[in-house]
Protein backbone atom coordinates (compact mmCIF):
# COMPACT_ATOMS: atom_id res chain seq x y z
CA MET A 1 62.34 -158.03 -84.13
CA PRO A 2 62.50 -157.23 -87.85
CA THR A 3 62.68 -153.54 -88.67
CA SER A 4 59.43 -153.61 -90.63
CA VAL A 5 57.53 -155.17 -87.73
CA HIS A 6 59.07 -152.74 -85.28
CA SER A 7 58.00 -149.86 -87.53
CA VAL A 8 54.43 -151.17 -87.58
CA TYR A 9 54.37 -151.41 -83.77
CA SER A 10 55.76 -147.87 -83.51
CA VAL A 11 53.09 -146.50 -85.84
CA LEU A 12 50.33 -148.33 -83.96
CA ASN A 13 51.66 -147.07 -80.64
CA ILE A 14 51.75 -143.48 -81.93
CA ARG A 15 48.20 -143.82 -83.20
CA ARG A 16 47.01 -145.23 -79.84
CA THR A 17 48.74 -142.39 -78.00
CA GLY A 18 47.24 -139.82 -80.35
CA PHE A 19 43.78 -141.33 -79.96
CA SER A 20 44.20 -141.31 -76.18
CA VAL A 21 45.13 -137.63 -76.22
CA ILE A 22 42.10 -136.83 -78.37
CA LEU A 23 39.81 -138.68 -75.95
CA GLN A 24 41.29 -136.81 -73.01
CA CYS A 25 40.79 -133.48 -74.77
CA MET A 26 37.21 -134.42 -75.63
CA PHE A 27 36.58 -135.03 -71.93
CA ILE A 28 38.56 -132.10 -70.49
CA ALA A 29 37.40 -129.35 -72.89
CA PRO A 30 33.68 -129.57 -71.97
CA LEU A 31 34.65 -129.75 -68.29
CA VAL A 32 36.72 -126.57 -68.57
CA ILE A 33 33.90 -124.80 -70.44
CA LEU A 34 31.42 -125.90 -67.76
CA VAL A 35 33.64 -124.53 -64.98
CA LEU A 36 34.01 -121.21 -66.83
CA VAL A 37 30.27 -120.91 -67.40
CA LEU A 38 29.47 -121.80 -63.78
CA SER A 39 31.96 -119.19 -62.58
CA ILE A 40 30.34 -116.49 -64.71
CA VAL A 41 26.84 -117.55 -63.57
CA TYR A 42 27.89 -117.61 -59.89
CA TRP A 43 29.40 -114.12 -60.00
CA SER A 44 26.50 -112.79 -62.06
CA ILE A 45 24.07 -113.93 -59.37
CA ARG A 46 26.32 -112.61 -56.61
CA ASN A 47 26.76 -109.22 -58.30
CA GLY A 48 23.15 -108.96 -59.43
CA ILE A 49 24.12 -108.48 -63.07
CA SER A 50 26.00 -110.37 -65.76
CA PRO A 51 29.27 -108.85 -67.06
CA MET A 52 27.79 -107.15 -70.12
CA PRO A 53 30.32 -105.37 -72.35
CA SER A 54 29.48 -101.81 -73.32
CA THR A 55 28.68 -101.34 -76.99
CA ARG A 56 30.74 -99.18 -79.35
CA LYS A 57 28.07 -96.43 -79.25
CA GLN A 58 27.98 -96.52 -75.45
CA ARG A 59 31.77 -96.31 -75.23
CA GLN A 60 31.93 -93.41 -77.65
CA ALA A 61 29.22 -91.51 -75.77
CA MET A 62 30.86 -92.06 -72.38
CA ILE A 63 34.25 -90.89 -73.64
CA SER A 64 32.68 -87.83 -75.30
CA LEU A 65 31.21 -86.75 -71.94
CA LEU A 66 34.60 -86.61 -70.24
CA PRO A 67 36.16 -83.12 -70.13
CA ALA A 68 38.38 -82.39 -73.13
CA GLU A 69 41.23 -81.40 -70.80
CA ILE A 70 41.01 -84.57 -68.68
CA HIS A 71 44.31 -85.94 -67.41
CA GLY A 72 45.47 -88.12 -64.56
CA ARG A 73 43.75 -91.29 -63.37
CA ILE A 74 40.36 -92.64 -64.50
CA ALA A 75 38.64 -95.58 -62.79
CA ASP A 76 36.29 -97.98 -64.56
CA LEU A 77 34.24 -99.45 -61.73
CA GLY A 78 32.91 -102.87 -62.68
CA SER A 79 35.10 -103.10 -65.78
CA GLY A 80 33.68 -106.48 -66.86
CA TRP A 81 35.37 -107.66 -70.07
CA GLY A 82 37.44 -104.46 -70.22
CA THR A 83 36.05 -103.01 -73.46
CA LEU A 84 35.40 -99.53 -72.04
CA ALA A 85 38.71 -99.34 -70.17
CA MET A 86 40.60 -100.37 -73.31
CA ALA A 87 38.77 -97.76 -75.40
CA LEU A 88 39.60 -95.11 -72.80
CA ALA A 89 43.27 -96.12 -72.81
CA ARG A 90 43.44 -95.82 -76.60
CA ARG A 91 41.59 -92.49 -76.80
CA LEU A 92 43.27 -90.88 -73.77
CA PRO A 93 46.94 -91.87 -73.87
CA ALA A 94 47.86 -89.13 -71.36
CA CYS A 95 45.55 -90.68 -68.75
CA SER A 96 46.10 -93.74 -66.58
CA ILE A 97 43.11 -96.08 -66.81
CA THR A 98 42.37 -98.58 -64.01
CA GLY A 99 39.63 -101.19 -64.30
CA TYR A 100 38.21 -102.89 -61.22
CA GLU A 101 36.24 -106.15 -61.50
CA ASN A 102 35.48 -108.96 -59.04
CA SER A 103 34.33 -111.65 -61.51
CA PRO A 104 37.42 -113.79 -62.27
CA ILE A 105 36.73 -114.86 -65.87
CA PRO A 106 36.01 -111.41 -67.34
CA LEU A 107 38.92 -110.01 -65.33
CA CYS A 108 41.39 -112.61 -66.63
CA THR A 109 40.12 -112.04 -70.17
CA SER A 110 40.63 -108.29 -69.78
CA LYS A 111 44.16 -108.74 -68.48
CA LEU A 112 45.05 -111.12 -71.30
CA ILE A 113 43.72 -108.82 -74.04
CA ALA A 114 45.39 -105.79 -72.44
CA ARG A 115 48.72 -107.61 -72.41
CA PHE A 116 48.49 -108.33 -76.13
CA ALA A 117 47.31 -104.77 -76.82
CA ARG A 118 50.37 -103.43 -74.95
CA GLN A 119 48.54 -100.44 -73.51
CA SER A 120 51.03 -99.04 -71.00
CA ASN A 121 48.41 -96.72 -69.49
CA LEU A 122 45.96 -99.53 -68.69
CA GLU A 123 45.73 -101.95 -65.77
CA PHE A 124 43.08 -104.21 -64.24
CA PHE A 125 42.61 -105.35 -60.66
CA ARG A 126 40.27 -107.72 -58.88
CA ALA A 127 38.53 -105.79 -56.13
CA ASN A 128 35.34 -105.11 -54.23
CA LEU A 129 34.30 -101.72 -55.55
CA LEU A 130 33.26 -100.53 -52.11
CA SER A 131 36.78 -101.10 -50.75
CA VAL A 132 38.72 -99.30 -53.51
CA PRO A 133 40.01 -95.82 -52.48
CA LEU A 134 38.67 -93.36 -55.05
CA ASN A 135 39.95 -89.99 -53.84
CA ASP A 136 42.99 -90.09 -56.17
CA PHE A 137 40.98 -90.44 -59.40
CA GLN A 138 40.21 -87.52 -61.71
CA ALA A 139 37.15 -89.22 -63.24
CA ILE A 140 34.92 -92.25 -62.69
CA VAL A 141 33.08 -94.30 -65.32
CA CYS A 142 30.75 -97.17 -64.52
CA TYR A 143 28.19 -99.59 -65.93
CA LEU A 144 26.51 -101.05 -62.84
CA HIS A 145 23.02 -102.14 -61.86
CA PRO A 146 20.86 -99.84 -59.66
CA SER A 147 21.54 -101.70 -56.40
CA ALA A 148 25.30 -101.40 -56.84
CA MET A 149 24.89 -97.75 -57.86
CA ARG A 150 23.07 -96.99 -54.61
CA LYS A 151 25.83 -98.61 -52.57
CA LEU A 152 28.51 -96.81 -54.55
CA GLN A 153 26.79 -93.45 -54.39
CA THR A 154 27.57 -92.84 -50.71
CA LYS A 155 31.20 -93.78 -51.29
CA LEU A 156 31.52 -91.41 -54.24
CA GLU A 157 30.01 -88.56 -52.23
CA ALA A 158 32.42 -89.19 -49.36
CA GLU A 159 35.63 -89.67 -51.33
CA LEU A 160 35.56 -87.74 -54.60
CA PRO A 161 36.63 -84.07 -54.69
CA ALA A 162 34.17 -81.47 -55.92
CA GLY A 163 34.09 -81.22 -59.70
CA THR A 164 35.10 -84.84 -60.37
CA PRO A 165 33.24 -86.17 -63.44
CA VAL A 166 31.19 -89.35 -62.99
CA ILE A 167 29.88 -90.97 -66.20
CA CYS A 168 27.24 -93.71 -65.90
CA ASN A 169 26.01 -96.12 -68.55
CA THR A 170 22.27 -96.97 -68.61
CA PHE A 171 21.48 -96.44 -64.92
CA ALA A 172 21.24 -93.02 -63.25
CA MET A 173 22.46 -92.02 -59.82
CA ALA A 174 19.34 -91.58 -57.68
CA GLY A 175 18.95 -88.02 -56.42
CA TRP A 176 21.80 -86.62 -58.48
CA LYS A 177 21.13 -84.03 -61.17
CA ALA A 178 22.90 -84.92 -64.41
CA GLU A 179 24.79 -82.18 -66.23
CA GLU A 180 24.07 -83.93 -69.50
CA VAL A 181 22.19 -87.02 -70.69
CA ILE A 182 22.83 -88.64 -74.05
CA THR A 183 20.10 -90.89 -75.45
CA LEU A 184 21.59 -93.32 -77.92
CA ASP A 185 20.02 -94.36 -81.19
CA ASP A 186 20.09 -98.05 -80.32
CA LEU A 187 17.57 -100.80 -79.63
CA TYR A 188 17.05 -99.79 -75.98
CA HIS A 189 17.50 -96.01 -76.39
CA THR A 190 20.27 -96.28 -73.82
CA HIS A 191 20.90 -93.28 -71.58
CA ILE A 192 24.41 -92.12 -70.73
CA TYR A 193 24.55 -89.82 -67.71
CA SER A 194 27.20 -87.20 -66.95
CA TYR A 195 27.57 -85.88 -63.39
CA ARG A 196 29.98 -83.63 -61.51
CA MET A 197 30.59 -84.07 -57.83
CA ARG A 198 29.32 -81.21 -55.72
CA GLY A 199 31.33 -79.62 -52.94
């Protein structure tokens, strides 16, 4: 076969292969997106709330309510996309921040971002919040819906030592008296609640 003809066949073959790859990507990409969306929807229904990231104002308020002398381990229960845990890790380098989340997509996203951020004091785990031992944490932060808060409340009362700070975004702990409540200047006038465990 003449070289020129062979070159033409090679070019055509490359173009066919490239076109085939493009078609495959056009088919696979929407399928992957659909699977991701369905996963988030499934876990949102199962958990009773979608994995909403805390806003910058909410994060700042929650961090400001932690004791100035805080050290040791802090748990972010229902860490979602990891925005609060990452902010805590940056602002409190002497503390060890652990985020717990059961929805796979937000959890994987958190782990990926944390790896690129190279925060040595930050880690994320997939877990059922009601099965995580909490007695070794020096503070708890959470952004959970009321039903989950009620289930968690008994666990906190049983496991946390007296004086442990518990900071809640948006939803209060029923029956607990907050030490301080911050009302944010945002669209929903969000409340941030600060508690201390009683002995």
